[in-house]
Each structure stands twice: as C-alpha cells, then as structure tokens.
C-alpha cells in the first residue's frame, strides 16, 4: 500500500485539522531540534517557520497565504513530552534542552551547532557561518563574508531584494548568496547556473560580472581577421554597460568595442549616420 498523501490544500476546512495534527509529528526537514512552534498568525503548530511557509503556500486559496514573523512566536511544544509552553531553551516539564543553539530574539532552535549560528543585531535575525567570518555592511544592509570587506561595491539594501533568477527573497534565504562585482546579489547556485549558460552580465544592471579579458582579446583577433565589407564600414554610437560612457565604434556583426575601457559589453544607441554610410 502506498503511503498516505498529505493534501495541505484542504486542511483549512477542518476545525480540528487532521492534516495539521499529522504535520505536528512530522520531522523537520530544515533543522534538528526537540520542539515545534505555534504560529501566532494562524494558531497552528509546525516544526519550524519554513515548514509553515511550505504548508500555507500550498493552499489553493491565495488569500490563505501568509508569512510567519519569527520574532512573534510565543509558544513552543516539546517534542519529547508534548508540553506546550512559553519560548525557552529548556523544557519546563521534562527538562530537555530543545536546541543546542537557541536565540530568544528569533525564537530559533537548532542542534547542529557546526553551522556556526550567531545572531546579528543589525540584521535582526540569526545567521550561519560563524560570527568571526562575517561583518555587517551598513549600506548594503546585510552580513557579508570578511573576504569581501574591503573588496565589494556597496549597493544600498542590496540583500533586501529578490534573486533576479529564481525571485526568492534574499535577505532571509537559507541558500548561499553571492555578491557580484557590480554589488548586486543573487543565490550562488543561480549565479553558477547563469554562468554555465554563458551569461556573463548582471541581470539587474547588465555590467560584466566575470573576468572577460581573454574573451575580449579573442574578439579582437576575430574582428581583425574578418573585416566587414566596404559598404558596412561605418561608425555607430554605443553605450558601454561597464563604464556607462558613450563613444563611437566601427560597426561589426561580432560586437562593438568601447574605446574607454576596452569592453565589448556594449549596446548600440543610434542608427548609422547616413552621411557616413
């Protein structure tokens, strides 16, 4: 017999929802802990806020979709003795530690302390990776690796946006993020997949995010070896996406080189001058 299928789309119609009661005993796929949380937004119990998000987002009625504000959680349920109680690290009934890592601000529990969890007061949420390995950039509005402390372009509140590839909100995403050369951010997995598709420009500002110097040199050689016919030898006006300056470049089907920064990441901004054609 196949296992039962849990249909979250129907659980809101039950006064004492079987689906929610079953969800209470599911093991959390996101964290190792010995408690569940009561969501103050819908007064239901879930293993964690991510489980709550997955459940409510699967409801058929979009009006039922909502976010759980982690700081608003007031009650938890011990997974060992099933005692509901106020948020605390130690169960008031059986004395078990409900999480090796505990944040009373985020109401966050996790047994896997190898993640290096820490609470950032400026972000207002818990991060992973070790406090000594990160710094908070006030302008960007988020924690970044110390490796880019003096080597990143600041974009105001750059992490408080959606990933330009998968459109998931970046600030509190559990996925790793990458700060590109232009200062914009996206999920690391999305960035790697984008580069595999030979996309070298930021989806937001169109600036080059990879070292393209070798490819630019190849284009130089290709264009030198393949001259345009005489009737197509004219200049066009271009805008460089990398240095944001305008200039003129010889027309070529392979690309137009910026005379200011030598980039081929350019776009035409005018038709050819009829007098020069």
C-alpha atoms as a PDB file:
ATOM      1  CA  UNK A   1       0.000   0.000   0.000  1.00  0.00           C
ATOM      2  CA  UNK A   2       1.434   3.396  -0.927  1.00  0.00           C
ATOM      3  CA  UNK A   3       1.952   5.908   1.871  1.00  0.00           C
ATOM      4  CA  UNK A   4      -0.847   8.406   2.506  1.00  0.00           C
ATOM      5  CA  UNK A   5      -0.605  11.710   0.659  1.00  0.00           C
ATOM      6  CA  UNK A   6      -0.918  14.819   2.791  1.00  0.00           C
ATOM      7  CA  UNK A   7      -3.020  17.402   0.996  1.00  0.00           C
ATOM      8  CA  UNK A   8      -2.356  20.838   2.505  1.00  0.00           C
ATOM      9  CA  UNK A   9      -4.882  22.437   0.189  1.00  0.00           C
ATOM     10  CA  UNK A  10      -7.768  21.055   2.246  1.00  0.00           C
ATOM     11  CA  UNK A  11      -6.555  21.363   5.823  1.00  0.00           C
ATOM     12  CA  UNK A  12      -8.025  24.837   6.381  1.00  0.00           C
ATOM     13  CA  UNK A  13     -11.542  23.427   6.069  1.00  0.00           C
ATOM     14  CA  UNK A  14     -11.224  21.292   9.213  1.00  0.00           C
ATOM     15  CA  UNK A  15     -11.958  22.714  12.661  1.00  0.00           C
ATOM     16  CA  UNK A  16      -9.585  20.180  14.167  1.00  0.00           C
ATOM     17  CA  UNK A  17      -7.470  19.616  11.118  1.00  0.00           C
ATOM     18  CA  UNK A  18      -6.199  16.096  10.590  1.00  0.00           C
ATOM     19  CA  UNK A  19      -3.532  17.467   8.268  1.00  0.00           C
ATOM     20  CA  UNK A  20      -2.223  19.875  10.878  1.00  0.00           C
ATOM     21  CA  UNK A  21      -2.282  17.176  13.550  1.00  0.00           C
ATOM     22  CA  UNK A  22      -0.314  14.894  11.253  1.00  0.00           C
ATOM     23  CA  UNK A  23       2.103  17.743  10.488  1.00  0.00           C
ATOM     24  CA  UNK A  24       2.743  18.044  14.235  1.00  0.00           C
ATOM     25  CA  UNK A  25       4.515  14.688  14.223  1.00  0.00           C
ATOM     26  CA  UNK A  26       6.489  15.191  11.040  1.00  0.00           C
ATOM     27  CA  UNK A  27      10.221  15.522  11.454  1.00  0.00           C
ATOM     28  CA  UNK A  28      11.525  18.914  10.399  1.00  0.00           C
ATOM     29  CA  UNK A  29      13.475  18.757   7.151  1.00  0.00           C
ATOM     30  CA  UNK A  30      15.219  22.047   7.859  1.00  0.00           C
ATOM     31  CA  UNK A  31      16.572  21.816  11.426  1.00  0.00           C
ATOM     32  CA  UNK A  32      17.408  19.269  14.115  1.00  0.00           C
ATOM     33  CA  UNK A  33      15.555  20.292  17.273  1.00  0.00           C
ATOM     34  CA  UNK A  34      13.357  18.913  20.017  1.00  0.00           C
ATOM     35  CA  UNK A  35      10.414  21.257  19.783  1.00  0.00           C
ATOM     36  CA  UNK A  36       7.785  22.650  17.452  1.00  0.00           C
ATOM     37  CA  UNK A  37       6.432  26.172  17.265  1.00  0.00           C
ATOM     38  CA  UNK A  38       2.903  27.523  17.445  1.00  0.00           C
ATOM     39  CA  UNK A  39       2.472  30.014  14.633  1.00  0.00           C
ATOM     40  CA  UNK A  40       0.812  33.129  16.070  1.00  0.00           C
ATOM     41  CA  UNK A  41      -0.513  34.107  12.644  1.00  0.00           C
ATOM     42  CA  UNK A  42      -2.759  31.074  12.222  1.00  0.00           C
ATOM     43  CA  UNK A  43      -2.550  29.483  15.703  1.00  0.00           C
ATOM     44  CA  UNK A  44      -1.315  26.173  14.281  1.00  0.00           C
ATOM     45  CA  UNK A  45       1.729  24.063  15.184  1.00  0.00           C
ATOM     46  CA  UNK A  46       4.647  23.452  12.808  1.00  0.00           C
ATOM     47  CA  UNK A  47       8.165  22.017  13.141  1.00  0.00           C
ATOM     48  CA  UNK A  48       9.658  25.373  12.012  1.00  0.00           C
ATOM     49  CA  UNK A  49       8.858  28.573  10.112  1.00  0.00           C
ATOM     50  CA  UNK A  50       9.997  27.051   6.816  1.00  0.00           C
ATOM     51  CA  UNK A  51       7.579  24.138   7.279  1.00  0.00           C
ATOM     52  CA  UNK A  52       4.883  26.723   7.944  1.00  0.00           C
ATOM     53  CA  UNK A  53       5.748  28.582   4.742  1.00  0.00           C
ATOM     54  CA  UNK A  54       5.679  25.411   2.648  1.00  0.00           C
ATOM     55  CA  UNK A  55       2.323  24.398   4.111  1.00  0.00           C
ATOM     56  CA  UNK A  56       0.465  27.687   3.737  1.00  0.00           C
ATOM     57  CA  UNK A  57       1.916  28.398   0.289  1.00  0.00           C
ATOM     58  CA  UNK A  58       0.464  25.104  -0.927  1.00  0.00           C
ATOM     59  CA  UNK A  59      -3.071  26.170  -0.041  1.00  0.00           C
ATOM     60  CA  UNK A  60      -5.336  26.591  -3.068  1.00  0.00           C
ATOM     61  CA  UNK A  61      -6.699  29.961  -1.965  1.00  0.00           C
ATOM     62  CA  UNK A  62      -4.033  32.693  -2.305  1.00  0.00           C
ATOM     63  CA  UNK A  63      -5.811  34.649   0.435  1.00  0.00           C
ATOM     64  CA  UNK A  64      -4.685  31.980   2.904  1.00  0.00           C
ATOM     65  CA  UNK A  65      -1.009  32.560   2.073  1.00  0.00           C
ATOM     66  CA  UNK A  66       0.846  34.493   4.762  1.00  0.00           C
ATOM     67  CA  UNK A  67       4.243  34.881   6.418  1.00  0.00           C
ATOM     68  CA  UNK A  68       5.215  33.848   9.924  1.00  0.00           C
ATOM     69  CA  UNK A  69       7.149  36.583  11.742  1.00  0.00           C
ATOM     70  CA  UNK A  70       9.699  34.605  13.735  1.00  0.00           C
ATOM     71  CA  UNK A  71      10.040  37.223  16.465  1.00  0.00           C
ATOM     72  CA  UNK A  72       6.305  36.954  17.218  1.00  0.00           C
ATOM     73  CA  UNK A  73       6.409  33.284  18.234  1.00  0.00           C
ATOM     74  CA  UNK A  74       5.392  32.996  21.906  1.00  0.00           C
ATOM     75  CA  UNK A  75       4.660  29.287  22.408  1.00  0.00           C
ATOM     76  CA  UNK A  76       6.560  26.083  21.626  1.00  0.00           C
ATOM     77  CA  UNK A  77       5.725  22.410  22.078  1.00  0.00           C
ATOM     78  CA  UNK A  78       8.330  19.994  23.470  1.00  0.00           C
ATOM     79  CA  UNK A  79       8.762  17.067  21.081  1.00  0.00           C
ATOM     80  CA  UNK A  80       9.513  14.652  23.944  1.00  0.00           C
ATOM     81  CA  UNK A  81       6.716  15.310  26.425  1.00  0.00           C
ATOM     82  CA  UNK A  82       4.363  17.274  24.149  1.00  0.00           C
ATOM     83  CA  UNK A  83       4.112  20.110  26.685  1.00  0.00           C
ATOM     84  CA  UNK A  84       3.159  23.487  25.256  1.00  0.00           C
ATOM     85  CA  UNK A  85       4.959  26.323  26.982  1.00  0.00           C
ATOM     86  CA  UNK A  86       6.457  29.766  26.567  1.00  0.00           C
ATOM     87  CA  UNK A  87       9.575  30.090  24.450  1.00  0.00           C
ATOM     88  CA  UNK A  88      12.683  28.896  26.346  1.00  0.00           C
ATOM     89  CA  UNK A  89      15.684  26.664  25.709  1.00  0.00           C
ATOM     90  CA  UNK A  90      14.858  24.142  28.455  1.00  0.00           C
ATOM     91  CA  UNK A  91      11.506  22.347  28.638  1.00  0.00           C
ATOM     92  CA  UNK A  92       9.674  23.303  31.838  1.00  0.00           C
ATOM     93  CA  UNK A  93       8.201  19.794  32.169  1.00  0.00           C
ATOM     94  CA  UNK A  94      10.838  17.204  31.230  1.00  0.00           C
ATOM     95  CA  UNK A  95      13.955  19.390  31.393  1.00  0.00           C
ATOM     96  CA  UNK A  96      15.245  18.515  27.922  1.00  0.00           C
ATOM     97  CA  UNK A  97      17.263  21.117  26.034  1.00  0.00           C
ATOM     98  CA  UNK A  98      15.119  21.782  22.994  1.00  0.00           C
ATOM     99  CA  UNK A  99      18.040  23.077  20.950  1.00  0.00           C
ATOM    100  CA  UNK A 100      21.794  23.289  21.480  1.00  0.00           C
ATOM    101  CA  UNK A 101      21.675  26.673  19.802  1.00  0.00           C
ATOM    102  CA  UNK A 102      18.877  28.923  20.987  1.00  0.00           C
ATOM    103  CA  UNK A 103      18.063  32.533  20.137  1.00  0.00           C
ATOM    104  CA  UNK A 104      15.399  34.134  22.281  1.00  0.00           C
ATOM    105  CA  UNK A 105      15.024  37.010  19.797  1.00  0.00           C
ATOM    106  CA  UNK A 106      14.386  34.902  16.684  1.00  0.00           C
ATOM    107  CA  UNK A 107      12.776  32.050  18.672  1.00  0.00           C
ATOM    108  CA  UNK A 108      15.196  29.793  16.846  1.00  0.00           C
ATOM    109  CA  UNK A 109      16.371  26.312  17.886  1.00  0.00           C
ATOM    110  CA  UNK A 110      18.968  24.091  16.227  1.00  0.00           C
ATOM    111  CA  UNK A 111      21.031  21.136  17.446  1.00  0.00           C
ATOM    112  CA  UNK A 112      23.591  21.304  14.637  1.00  0.00           C
ATOM    113  CA  UNK A 113      25.935  23.907  16.111  1.00  0.00           C
ATOM    114  CA  UNK A 114      28.574  23.045  13.496  1.00  0.00           C
ATOM    115  CA  UNK A 115      26.790  25.604  11.306  1.00  0.00           C
ATOM    116  CA  UNK A 116      28.246  28.382  13.455  1.00  0.00           C
ATOM    117  CA  UNK A 117      24.954  30.140  14.142  1.00  0.00           C
ATOM    118  CA  UNK A 118      25.010  33.684  15.505  1.00  0.00           C
ATOM    119  CA  UNK A 119      22.515  36.490  15.910  1.00  0.00           C
ATOM    120  CA  UNK A 120      23.244  39.738  14.082  1.00  0.00           C
ATOM    121  CA  UNK A 121      21.655  42.691  15.861  1.00  0.00           C
ATOM    122  CA  UNK A 122      21.884  44.864  12.739  1.00  0.00           C
ATOM    123  CA  UNK A 123      20.220  42.266  10.507  1.00  0.00           C
ATOM    124  CA  UNK A 124      17.767  41.411  13.273  1.00  0.00           C
ATOM    125  CA  UNK A 125      17.971  37.683  12.502  1.00  0.00           C
ATOM    126  CA  UNK A 126      20.276  34.706  13.038  1.00  0.00           C
ATOM    127  CA  UNK A 127      22.954  33.873  10.503  1.00  0.00           C
ATOM    128  CA  UNK A 128      25.204  30.829   9.981  1.00  0.00           C
ATOM    129  CA  UNK A 129      28.903  30.542   9.188  1.00  0.00           C
ATOM    130  CA  UNK A 130      30.495  31.882  12.386  1.00  0.00           C
ATOM    131  CA  UNK A 131      30.425  35.409  13.747  1.00  0.00           C
ATOM    132  CA  UNK A 132      34.167  35.889  13.148  1.00  0.00           C
ATOM    133  CA  UNK A 133      33.762  35.044   9.459  1.00  0.00           C
ATOM    134  CA  UNK A 134      31.235  37.780   8.714  1.00  0.00           C
ATOM    135  CA  UNK A 135      30.818  41.530   9.016  1.00  0.00           C
ATOM    136  CA  UNK A 136      27.698  43.641   8.693  1.00  0.00           C
ATOM    137  CA  UNK A 137      27.762  46.191   5.881  1.00  0.00           C
ATOM    138  CA  UNK A 138      25.565  49.077   6.976  1.00  0.00           C
ATOM    139  CA  UNK A 139      24.968  50.378   3.453  1.00  0.00           C
ATOM    140  CA  UNK A 140      24.228  47.002   1.872  1.00  0.00           C
ATOM    141  CA  UNK A 141      22.121  46.156   4.929  1.00  0.00           C
ATOM    142  CA  UNK A 142      23.326  42.605   5.463  1.00  0.00           C
ATOM    143  CA  UNK A 143      26.150  40.348   6.667  1.00  0.00           C
ATOM    144  CA  UNK A 144      28.876  39.548   4.156  1.00  0.00           C
ATOM    145  CA  UNK A 145      31.959  37.350   4.326  1.00  0.00           C
ATOM    146  CA  UNK A 146      35.020  39.137   5.714  1.00  0.00           C
ATOM    147  CA  UNK A 147      36.789  38.166   2.471  1.00  0.00           C
ATOM    148  CA  UNK A 148      34.889  40.945   0.669  1.00  0.00           C
ATOM    149  CA  UNK A 149      35.065  43.505   3.490  1.00  0.00           C
ATOM    150  CA  UNK A 150      37.313  45.855   1.526  1.00  0.00           C
ATOM    151  CA  UNK A 151      36.581  44.460  -1.909  1.00  0.00           C
ATOM    152  CA  UNK A 152      32.912  44.869  -2.746  1.00  0.00           C
ATOM    153  CA  UNK A 153      30.797  47.590  -4.305  1.00  0.00           C
ATOM    154  CA  UNK A 154      28.147  48.817  -1.893  1.00  0.00           C
ATOM    155  CA  UNK A 155      24.582  48.912  -3.187  1.00  0.00           C
ATOM    156  CA  UNK A 156      22.078  50.221  -0.674  1.00  0.00           C
ATOM    157  CA  UNK A 157      19.988  47.374   0.773  1.00  0.00           C
ATOM    158  CA  UNK A 158      21.205  45.051  -1.967  1.00  0.00           C
ATOM    159  CA  UNK A 159      20.263  41.934   0.010  1.00  0.00           C
ATOM    160  CA  UNK A 160      16.758  43.184   0.732  1.00  0.00           C
ATOM    161  CA  UNK A 161      15.689  42.241  -2.763  1.00  0.00           C
ATOM    162  CA  UNK A 162      14.680  39.171  -4.693  1.00  0.00           C
ATOM    163  CA  UNK A 163      17.142  36.917  -6.501  1.00  0.00           C
ATOM    164  CA  UNK A 164      16.978  38.076 -10.154  1.00  0.00           C
ATOM    165  CA  UNK A 165      16.956  34.452 -11.342  1.00  0.00           C
ATOM    166  CA  UNK A 166      14.617  32.495  -9.031  1.00  0.00           C
ATOM    167  CA  UNK A 167      12.880  35.519  -7.409  1.00  0.00           C
ATOM    168  CA  UNK A 168      13.247  34.210  -3.853  1.00  0.00           C
ATOM    169  CA  UNK A 169      13.756  36.925  -1.224  1.00  0.00           C
ATOM    170  CA  UNK A 170      17.475  37.034  -0.467  1.00  0.00           C
ATOM    171  CA  UNK A 171      17.703  38.656   2.964  1.00  0.00           C
ATOM    172  CA  UNK A 172      16.479  35.695   4.998  1.00  0.00           C
ATOM    173  CA  UNK A 173      17.004  32.928   2.434  1.00  0.00           C
ATOM    174  CA  UNK A 174      18.649  29.743   3.731  1.00  0.00           C
ATOM    175  CA  UNK A 175      20.585  29.419   0.449  1.00  0.00           C
ATOM    176  CA  UNK A 176      24.092  30.835  -0.034  1.00  0.00           C
ATOM    177  CA  UNK A 177      24.308  34.173  -1.825  1.00  0.00           C
ATOM    178  CA  UNK A 178      26.991  35.742  -3.999  1.00  0.00           C
ATOM    179  CA  UNK A 179      27.973  39.407  -4.188  1.00  0.00           C
ATOM    180  CA  UNK A 180      28.810  40.192  -7.800  1.00  0.00           C
ATOM    181  CA  UNK A 181      31.430  42.695  -8.958  1.00  0.00           C
ATOM    182  CA  UNK A 182      28.735  45.292  -9.538  1.00  0.00           C
ATOM    183  CA  UNK A 183      27.493  44.985  -5.945  1.00  0.00           C
ATOM    184  CA  UNK A 184      24.207  43.252  -6.729  1.00  0.00           C
ATOM    185  CA  UNK A 185      23.461  39.906  -5.132  1.00  0.00           C
ATOM    186  CA  UNK A 186      21.896  36.607  -6.124  1.00  0.00           C
ATOM    187  CA  UNK A 187      21.869  32.998  -4.965  1.00  0.00           C
ATOM    188  CA  UNK A 188      25.195  31.256  -5.503  1.00  0.00           C
ATOM    189  CA  UNK A 189      23.506  28.303  -7.228  1.00  0.00           C
ATOM    190  CA  UNK A 190      21.645  30.675  -9.544  1.00  0.00           C
ATOM    191  CA  UNK A 191      24.881  32.546 -10.290  1.00  0.00           C
ATOM    192  CA  UNK A 192      26.724  29.327 -11.199  1.00  0.00           C
ATOM    193  CA  UNK A 193      23.847  28.140 -13.370  1.00  0.00           C
ATOM    194  CA  UNK A 194      23.774  31.515 -15.101  1.00  0.00           C
ATOM    195  CA  UNK A 195      27.483  31.313 -15.942  1.00  0.00           C
ATOM    196  CA  UNK A 196      27.014  27.771 -17.277  1.00  0.00           C
ATOM    197  CA  UNK A 197      24.566  29.267 -19.768  1.00  0.00           C
ATOM    198  CA  UNK A 198      27.307  31.688 -20.937  1.00  0.00           C
ATOM    199  CA  UNK A 199      25.530  34.635 -19.355  1.00  0.00           C
ATOM    200  CA  UNK A 200      28.266  36.977 -18.136  1.00  0.00           C
ATOM    201  CA  UNK A 201      26.210  40.089 -17.291  1.00  0.00           C
ATOM    202  CA  UNK A 202      24.338  41.038 -14.139  1.00  0.00           C
ATOM    203  CA  UNK A 203      20.603  40.552 -14.770  1.00  0.00           C
ATOM    204  CA  UNK A 204      19.909  43.827 -12.947  1.00  0.00           C
ATOM    205  CA  UNK A 205      22.441  46.359 -14.245  1.00  0.00           C
ATOM    206  CA  UNK A 206      23.980  44.459 -17.208  1.00  0.00           C
ATOM    207  CA  UNK A 207      27.546  45.015 -16.004  1.00  0.00           C
ATOM    208  CA  UNK A 208      30.128  42.294 -16.603  1.00  0.00           C
ATOM    209  CA  UNK A 209      30.392  40.021 -13.553  1.00  0.00           C
ATOM    210  CA  UNK A 210      33.155  37.727 -14.813  1.00  0.00           C
ATOM    211  CA  UNK A 211      36.710  38.334 -15.984  1.00  0.00           C
ATOM    212  CA  UNK A 212      36.155  38.576 -19.725  1.00  0.00           C
ATOM    213  CA  UNK A 213      39.586  39.938 -20.735  1.00  0.00           C
ATOM    214  CA  UNK A 214      40.622  36.731 -22.528  1.00  0.00           C
ATOM    215  CA  UNK A 215      37.345  36.624 -24.437  1.00  0.00           C
ATOM    216  CA  UNK A 216      37.667  40.286 -25.398  1.00  0.00           C
ATOM    217  CA  UNK A 217      41.132  39.535 -26.851  1.00  0.00           C
ATOM    218  CA  UNK A 218      39.662  36.657 -28.877  1.00  0.00           C
ATOM    219  CA  UNK A 219      37.051  39.035 -30.263  1.00  0.00           C
ATOM    220  CA  UNK A 220      39.817  41.480 -31.186  1.00  0.00           C
ATOM    221  CA  UNK A 221      41.564  38.783 -33.227  1.00  0.00           C
ATOM    222  CA  UNK A 222      38.313  37.560 -34.812  1.00  0.00           C
ATOM    223  CA  UNK A 223      37.347  41.050 -35.916  1.00  0.00           C
ATOM    224  CA  UNK A 224      40.830  41.748 -37.242  1.00  0.00           C
ATOM    225  CA  UNK A 225      40.712  38.545 -39.276  1.00  0.00           C
ATOM    226  CA  UNK A 226      37.175  39.140 -40.555  1.00  0.00           C
ATOM    227  CA  UNK A 227      36.845  42.659 -41.913  1.00  0.00           C
ATOM    228  CA  UNK A 228      33.422  43.963 -42.800  1.00  0.00           C
ATOM    229  CA  UNK A 229      32.675  44.626 -46.488  1.00  0.00           C
ATOM    230  CA  UNK A 230      33.311  48.190 -47.579  1.00  0.00           C
ATOM    231  CA  UNK A 231      29.603  49.139 -47.630  1.00  0.00           C
ATOM    232  CA  UNK A 232      29.398  48.248 -43.908  1.00  0.00           C
ATOM    233  CA  UNK A 233      32.493  50.101 -42.822  1.00  0.00           C
ATOM    234  CA  UNK A 234      30.985  52.927 -40.785  1.00  0.00           C
ATOM    235  CA  UNK A 235      30.846  54.025 -37.159  1.00  0.00           C
ATOM    236  CA  UNK A 236      27.927  53.568 -34.781  1.00  0.00           C
ATOM    237  CA  UNK A 237      27.224  55.204 -31.418  1.00  0.00           C
ATOM    238  CA  UNK A 238      27.376  52.831 -28.472  1.00  0.00           C
ATOM    239  CA  UNK A 239      26.799  52.843 -24.721  1.00  0.00           C
ATOM    240  CA  UNK A 240      29.127  50.735 -22.591  1.00  0.00           C
ATOM    241  CA  UNK A 241      27.345  48.749 -19.892  1.00  0.00           C
ATOM    242  CA  UNK A 242      30.553  48.501 -17.866  1.00  0.00           C
ATOM    243  CA  UNK A 243      31.794  52.117 -17.705  1.00  0.00           C
ATOM    244  CA  UNK A 244      28.455  53.787 -18.584  1.00  0.00           C
ATOM    245  CA  UNK A 245      30.110  56.038 -21.162  1.00  0.00           C
ATOM    246  CA  UNK A 246      29.180  56.635 -24.773  1.00  0.00           C
ATOM    247  CA  UNK A 247      31.512  56.509 -27.741  1.00  0.00           C
ATOM    248  CA  UNK A 248      31.699  55.562 -31.386  1.00  0.00           C
ATOM    249  CA  UNK A 249      32.905  52.202 -32.660  1.00  0.00           C
ATOM    250  CA  UNK A 250      33.360  50.633 -36.092  1.00  0.00           C
ATOM    251  CA  UNK A 251      30.301  48.583 -36.993  1.00  0.00           C
ATOM    252  CA  UNK A 252      30.855  44.813 -36.873  1.00  0.00           C
ATOM    253  CA  UNK A 253      28.470  41.882 -36.600  1.00  0.00           C
ATOM    254  CA  UNK A 254      30.630  40.347 -33.839  1.00  0.00           C
ATOM    255  CA  UNK A 255      30.404  43.305 -31.482  1.00  0.00           C
ATOM    256  CA  UNK A 256      31.342  46.895 -30.719  1.00  0.00           C
ATOM    257  CA  UNK A 257      34.306  47.721 -28.534  1.00  0.00           C
ATOM    258  CA  UNK A 258      34.249  50.548 -26.012  1.00  0.00           C
ATOM    259  CA  UNK A 259      37.247  52.817 -26.597  1.00  0.00           C
ATOM    260  CA  UNK A 260      37.132  53.935 -22.962  1.00  0.00           C
ATOM    261  CA  UNK A 261      37.502  50.583 -21.136  1.00  0.00           C
ATOM    262  CA  UNK A 262      38.013  48.063 -23.999  1.00  0.00           C
ATOM    263  CA  UNK A 263      34.861  46.123 -23.088  1.00  0.00           C
ATOM    264  CA  UNK A 264      32.603  44.514 -25.654  1.00  0.00           C
ATOM    265  CA  UNK A 265      29.699  44.620 -23.226  1.00  0.00           C
ATOM    266  CA  UNK A 266      28.067  47.431 -25.180  1.00  0.00           C
ATOM    267  CA  UNK A 267      24.835  48.325 -26.934  1.00  0.00           C
ATOM    268  CA  UNK A 268      24.039  50.461 -29.955  1.00  0.00           C
ATOM    269  CA  UNK A 269      22.195  53.664 -29.145  1.00  0.00           C
ATOM    270  CA  UNK A 270      21.715  55.105 -32.622  1.00  0.00           C
ATOM    271  CA  UNK A 271      21.391  54.192 -36.246  1.00  0.00           C
ATOM    272  CA  UNK A 272      24.417  54.775 -38.501  1.00  0.00           C
ATOM    273  CA  UNK A 273      24.856  58.304 -39.824  1.00  0.00           C
ATOM    274  CA  UNK A 274      23.552  58.268 -43.442  1.00  0.00           C
ATOM    275  CA  UNK A 275      26.370  60.639 -44.446  1.00  0.00           C
ATOM    276  CA  UNK A 276      28.936  58.068 -43.364  1.00  0.00           C
ATOM    277  CA  UNK A 277      27.275  55.071 -44.943  1.00  0.00           C
END
